[in-house]
Protein backbone atom coordinates (compact mmCIF):
# COMPACT_ATOMS: atom_id res chain seq x y z
CA MET A 1 -6.64 3.92 46.88
CA MET A 2 -7.69 3.88 43.24
CA ASP A 3 -6.84 7.95 43.76
CA ASN A 4 -3.20 7.91 45.34
CA PRO A 5 -1.46 8.41 42.21
CA SER A 6 2.05 6.86 44.03
CA SER A 7 -0.03 3.73 44.09
CA PRO A 8 1.22 0.56 41.90
CA ASP A 9 -1.87 0.90 39.88
CA ALA A 10 -1.70 3.99 39.12
CA LYS A 11 1.65 2.72 36.72
CA ALA A 12 -0.98 0.44 34.98
CA GLY A 13 -3.56 3.37 34.41
CA GLY A 14 -1.32 4.93 31.74
CA GLN A 15 0.14 7.58 33.88
CA HIS A 16 4.24 7.71 34.33
CA LEU A 17 5.78 8.63 37.68
CA PRO A 18 8.21 11.45 37.26
CA ARG A 19 11.61 10.32 35.79
CA GLU A 20 9.91 7.43 34.21
CA ARG A 21 9.96 8.75 30.48
CA GLY A 22 12.30 7.30 28.40
CA THR A 23 15.35 9.95 27.35
CA ARG A 24 17.29 10.99 24.08
CA LEU A 25 20.15 9.05 25.76
CA SER A 26 17.94 5.66 26.55
CA GLY A 27 16.68 5.83 23.20
CA ALA A 28 20.43 5.87 21.62
CA TRP A 29 21.30 2.76 23.43
CA THR A 30 18.29 1.10 22.37
CA ALA A 31 18.84 1.74 19.18
CA LEU A 32 22.58 0.79 19.50
CA VAL A 33 21.72 -3.03 21.29
CA ILE A 34 19.25 -3.56 18.27
CA GLY A 35 21.65 -2.07 15.79
CA ILE A 36 24.33 -4.52 17.57
CA LEU A 37 21.88 -7.15 17.16
CA ALA A 38 21.37 -7.01 13.51
CA LEU A 39 24.93 -6.51 13.27
CA ILE A 40 25.69 -10.22 14.48
CA VAL A 41 22.80 -11.63 12.47
CA ILE A 42 23.66 -10.48 9.59
CA LEU A 43 27.52 -11.70 10.09
CA VAL A 44 25.81 -14.94 10.89
CA PHE A 45 24.07 -15.16 7.84
CA ILE A 46 27.43 -13.90 5.84
CA LEU A 47 29.25 -16.76 7.13
CA GLN A 48 26.58 -19.13 6.64
CA ASN A 49 26.30 -18.32 2.65
CA LEU A 50 29.79 -18.00 1.43
CA GLN A 51 29.47 -20.22 -1.79
CA SER A 52 30.33 -18.34 -4.87
CA VAL A 53 27.28 -17.58 -7.30
CA GLU A 54 27.29 -16.60 -10.85
CA LEU A 55 25.45 -13.06 -11.53
CA SER A 56 24.78 -11.50 -14.70
CA PHE A 57 22.64 -7.82 -14.53
CA LEU A 58 22.03 -5.99 -18.04
CA ALA A 59 25.99 -5.75 -19.24
CA PHE A 60 27.43 -6.81 -16.39
CA HIS A 61 29.03 -10.14 -15.27
CA GLY A 62 30.50 -11.63 -12.19
CA ARG A 63 31.09 -14.12 -9.57
CA LEU A 64 30.67 -13.28 -5.79
CA PRO A 65 29.05 -14.98 -2.49
CA LEU A 66 25.62 -15.37 -2.24
CA ALA A 67 25.31 -13.24 1.11
CA VAL A 68 26.73 -10.51 -0.31
CA ALA A 69 24.85 -10.57 -3.43
CA LEU A 70 21.96 -10.81 -1.36
CA LEU A 71 22.53 -7.82 0.85
CA PHE A 72 23.71 -5.76 -2.40
CA ALA A 73 20.07 -6.38 -3.38
CA VAL A 74 18.20 -5.21 -0.26
CA ILE A 75 20.51 -2.22 -0.06
CA LEU A 76 19.65 -1.17 -3.62
CA GLY A 77 16.08 -2.10 -2.94
CA ALA A 78 15.85 0.13 0.52
CA VAL A 79 17.61 2.77 -2.07
CA ILE A 80 14.90 2.94 -3.84
CA VAL A 81 12.52 2.66 -1.36
CA MET A 82 14.00 5.67 0.53
CA ALA A 83 14.09 7.73 -2.80
CA PHE A 84 10.06 7.57 -3.55
CA GLY A 85 9.48 8.18 -0.04
CA ALA A 86 11.79 11.46 -0.64
CA ALA A 87 9.82 12.21 -3.66
CA ARG A 88 6.44 11.98 -1.56
CA ILE A 89 7.44 14.19 1.48
CA ALA A 90 8.58 16.64 -1.10
CA GLN A 91 5.09 16.76 -2.95
CA LEU A 92 3.22 16.57 0.25
CA ARG A 93 5.73 19.74 1.84
CA ILE A 94 4.70 21.32 -1.51
CA ALA A 95 1.22 20.77 -1.44
CA ALA A 96 1.08 21.81 2.09
CA ARG A 97 3.15 25.14 1.21
CA ARG A 98 0.63 25.91 -1.32
CA ALA A 99 -2.38 25.55 0.59
CA ARG A 100 -1.36 27.68 3.68
CA ARG A 101 -0.55 30.58 1.45
CA PRO A 102 -4.06 32.29 -0.16
CA ASP A 103 -3.56 33.94 -3.55
CA VAL A 104 -1.16 31.53 -5.22
CA ALA A 105 -0.92 32.42 -8.42
CA GLY A 106 -2.85 30.38 -11.04
CA SER A 107 -5.67 29.02 -8.27
CA PRO A 108 -9.09 29.60 -9.26
CA PRO A 109 -10.67 32.26 -6.69
CA PRO A 110 -12.70 31.24 -3.64
CA ALA A 111 -16.59 30.59 -4.86
CA ASP A 112 -18.82 33.11 -4.00
CA ARG A 113 -21.48 31.47 -1.74
CA SER A 114 -24.08 33.82 -1.54
CA PRO A 115 -27.70 32.67 -2.72
CA ALA A 116 -28.55 33.28 -6.44
CA GLU A 117 -30.59 35.84 -7.29
């Protein structure tokens, strides 16, 4: 019974039945549902934090609702993280491109590993 791939235990063993794998469309629907749920949570957060707060940053001064100020801070933080991540990815791509080229100008010639005389 364990050798029969159509048995119910075959799914638990890590094997996928035909047409059981995720598709791009199912991934898009999953992302859409998660996005809508996140927007609902953000909307509830904004509606519960409407009190106005005084903000001062360098030469900028003003009043904003607390939730909006926090969302701006989160967005700014995400942009900064994405910028550092993009810089690191670019750095790794450059290093990988250099590693693929056998004769890069400025790199030392390969060491001769023959026995010493």
